[in-house]
Each structure stands twice: as structure tokens, then as C-alpha cells.
Amino acid sequence: MDRRKFPRINTKKFISFVKYNSNGQIESQKTGTAIDVSQGGILLETTEKIDTKSICLITTSSDNKLIEIKAKVLYSRQAGDEKFQNGISLQGNADENLRFVTCLVHAYLIRKKSQNRKIFL
């Protein structure tokens, strides 16, 4: 039985994230791939375990503006050689979460549509 509050949308979108230490200071900036998203969270695939709870996710909108949202790492588990899957909970209000997720899904759909185009010569 699926206990999720919001449905998941499959996507493969490259995003950045900033890790914070326990004092709230920036520790590092890393990248990962959003495997799927919902209005409440993201499954983020990375090459290393995310060993902090507080992060900031960063993506770009279709008009190339940076979109940021605070997030909480719920879990980080190994998913094969050099891959980790991280359950991320979005910590913005409903409008901020929806805006962030909409940017991810929109970029994914544009990329998918362009990959499906056929060129006739």
C-alpha cells in the first residue's frame, strides 16, 4: 500500500544541492539526479551519501532563473556501486514546493519531447 500524500512523477533532472553543517554553515555544493518528484519530496540519486539533514536544492526554470528550496534529508542509502538514493522532503510552503516541482517536471517534459522528435531528410 502506497502511503504517499502526493503522487510521484518520474523524471531524470540534474540538480545541485548545498549541504549545511549542524551550525547552519555551508559545508559544500554537490550535484545529483532527481529520479522522481512529488509536491512533497524528491528521490535524489547521488554518487555519495548525503550525511547531513539540511540541504538546499537548486534547479533552473525554463527561462534559466535559479529556483531554490530548503529541504530535509530523510534517508540516504546505497543503491549499487557508487550510487546512493536519498529521500528528500521539501521544506517550503505549498506554493514554493509546487513551483520547484513544476520547474523540474517542465524541464523533463521539454527534454523528453525534444528527444522524441524525428528529423526527416
Protein backbone atom coordinates (compact mmCIF):
# COMPACT_ATOMS: atom_id res chain seq x y z
CA MET A 1 0.00 0.00 0.00
CA ASP A 2 1.35 3.39 -1.03
CA ARG A 3 1.22 5.84 1.88
CA ARG A 4 2.43 8.86 -0.08
CA LYS A 5 0.50 12.08 0.30
CA PHE A 6 1.27 13.21 -3.28
CA PRO A 7 1.75 11.14 -6.48
CA ARG A 8 5.28 10.69 -7.83
CA ILE A 9 6.29 11.81 -11.33
CA ASN A 10 9.24 10.05 -12.92
CA THR A 11 11.93 12.41 -14.14
CA LYS A 12 15.66 12.45 -14.67
CA LYS A 13 16.69 16.02 -13.96
CA PHE A 14 20.19 17.07 -12.99
CA ILE A 15 20.11 19.41 -9.97
CA SER A 16 22.52 20.96 -7.49
CA PHE A 17 22.29 20.98 -3.74
CA VAL A 18 24.08 22.76 -0.94
CA LYS A 19 24.90 20.84 2.23
CA TYR A 20 24.80 22.62 5.60
CA ASN A 21 26.62 21.54 8.77
CA SER A 22 24.98 21.36 12.19
CA ASN A 23 25.73 25.07 12.76
CA GLY A 24 23.84 26.08 9.61
CA GLN A 25 27.02 26.96 7.72
CA ILE A 26 27.52 25.91 4.08
CA GLU A 27 29.61 22.75 4.00
CA SER A 28 29.73 22.01 0.27
CA GLN A 29 27.87 22.13 -3.03
CA LYS A 30 27.16 18.88 -4.87
CA THR A 31 25.05 17.58 -7.74
CA GLY A 32 22.62 14.74 -8.23
CA THR A 33 19.77 13.49 -10.38
CA ALA A 34 16.13 13.86 -9.38
CA ILE A 35 14.76 10.38 -10.19
CA ASP A 36 11.18 11.19 -9.28
CA VAL A 37 9.40 14.11 -7.67
CA SER A 38 6.18 14.96 -5.91
CA GLN A 39 4.83 18.08 -4.30
CA GLY A 40 6.25 16.83 -1.01
CA GLY A 41 9.65 15.44 -1.94
CA ILE A 42 12.26 14.09 -4.30
CA LEU A 43 14.16 10.87 -4.76
CA LEU A 44 17.66 12.18 -5.42
CA GLU A 45 20.40 9.94 -6.79
CA THR A 46 23.98 10.95 -5.90
CA THR A 47 27.47 9.48 -6.10
CA GLU A 48 27.98 9.82 -2.35
CA LYS A 49 25.93 9.50 0.80
CA ILE A 50 24.36 12.73 2.00
CA ASP A 51 25.48 12.81 5.62
CA THR A 52 23.61 15.92 6.73
CA LYS A 53 19.94 16.64 7.36
CA SER A 54 19.61 20.18 6.00
CA ILE A 55 20.18 20.96 2.34
CA CYS A 56 19.07 23.50 -0.23
CA LEU A 57 18.02 22.16 -3.65
CA ILE A 58 18.76 24.31 -6.70
CA THR A 59 17.38 23.97 -10.23
CA THR A 60 16.71 26.27 -13.17
CA SER A 61 13.38 27.33 -14.59
CA SER A 62 12.55 27.19 -18.30
CA ASP A 63 13.65 30.84 -18.55
CA ASN A 64 17.01 30.00 -16.89
CA LYS A 65 16.27 31.52 -13.49
CA LEU A 66 17.64 29.76 -10.41
CA ILE A 67 14.97 28.21 -8.19
CA GLU A 68 15.99 27.22 -4.66
CA ILE A 69 14.15 25.45 -1.88
CA LYS A 70 15.12 24.27 1.58
CA ALA A 71 14.88 20.53 2.09
CA LYS A 72 15.43 17.83 4.67
CA VAL A 73 17.22 14.53 4.03
CA LEU A 74 15.02 11.71 5.33
CA TYR A 75 17.35 8.87 4.36
CA SER A 76 20.44 8.12 2.30
CA ARG A 77 21.07 4.52 1.28
CA GLN A 78 23.43 2.80 -1.10
CA ALA A 79 21.80 1.69 -4.36
CA GLY A 80 24.63 -0.01 -6.23
CA ASP A 81 28.25 0.73 -6.93
CA GLU A 82 28.94 4.41 -6.33
CA LYS A 83 25.23 5.35 -6.24
CA PHE A 84 23.08 6.46 -3.35
CA GLN A 85 19.37 7.12 -3.25
CA ASN A 86 18.30 9.92 -0.98
CA GLY A 87 14.76 10.59 0.18
CA ILE A 88 14.34 14.34 0.34
CA SER A 89 11.42 16.21 1.92
CA LEU A 90 10.75 19.70 0.56
CA GLN A 91 10.52 22.25 3.39
CA GLY A 92 8.90 25.18 1.61
CA ASN A 93 5.26 26.15 1.83
CA ALA A 94 2.81 24.53 -0.61
CA ASP A 95 3.32 27.23 -3.27
CA GLU A 96 7.13 27.07 -3.05
CA ASN A 97 7.12 23.27 -3.25
CA LEU A 98 4.78 23.30 -6.23
CA ARG A 99 6.88 25.92 -8.04
CA PHE A 100 10.07 23.91 -7.54
CA VAL A 101 8.50 20.62 -8.65
CA THR A 102 6.82 22.30 -11.63
CA CYS A 103 10.22 23.56 -12.83
CA LEU A 104 11.69 20.05 -12.61
CA VAL A 105 8.80 18.39 -14.41
CA HIS A 106 8.58 21.09 -17.08
CA ALA A 107 12.30 20.79 -17.90
CA TYR A 108 11.97 17.00 -18.03
CA LEU A 109 8.98 17.16 -20.41
CA ILE A 110 10.74 19.62 -22.72
CA ARG A 111 13.82 17.39 -22.86
CA LYS A 112 11.71 14.27 -23.45
CA LYS A 113 9.73 15.96 -26.22
CA SER A 114 12.91 17.09 -27.99
CA GLN A 115 14.35 13.55 -27.76
CA ASN A 116 11.19 12.11 -29.34
CA ARG A 117 11.25 14.41 -32.36
CA LYS A 118 12.17 12.76 -35.61
CA ILE A 119 14.02 14.56 -38.35
CA PHE A 120 13.02 13.76 -41.90
CA LEU A 121 15.56 14.46 -44.62
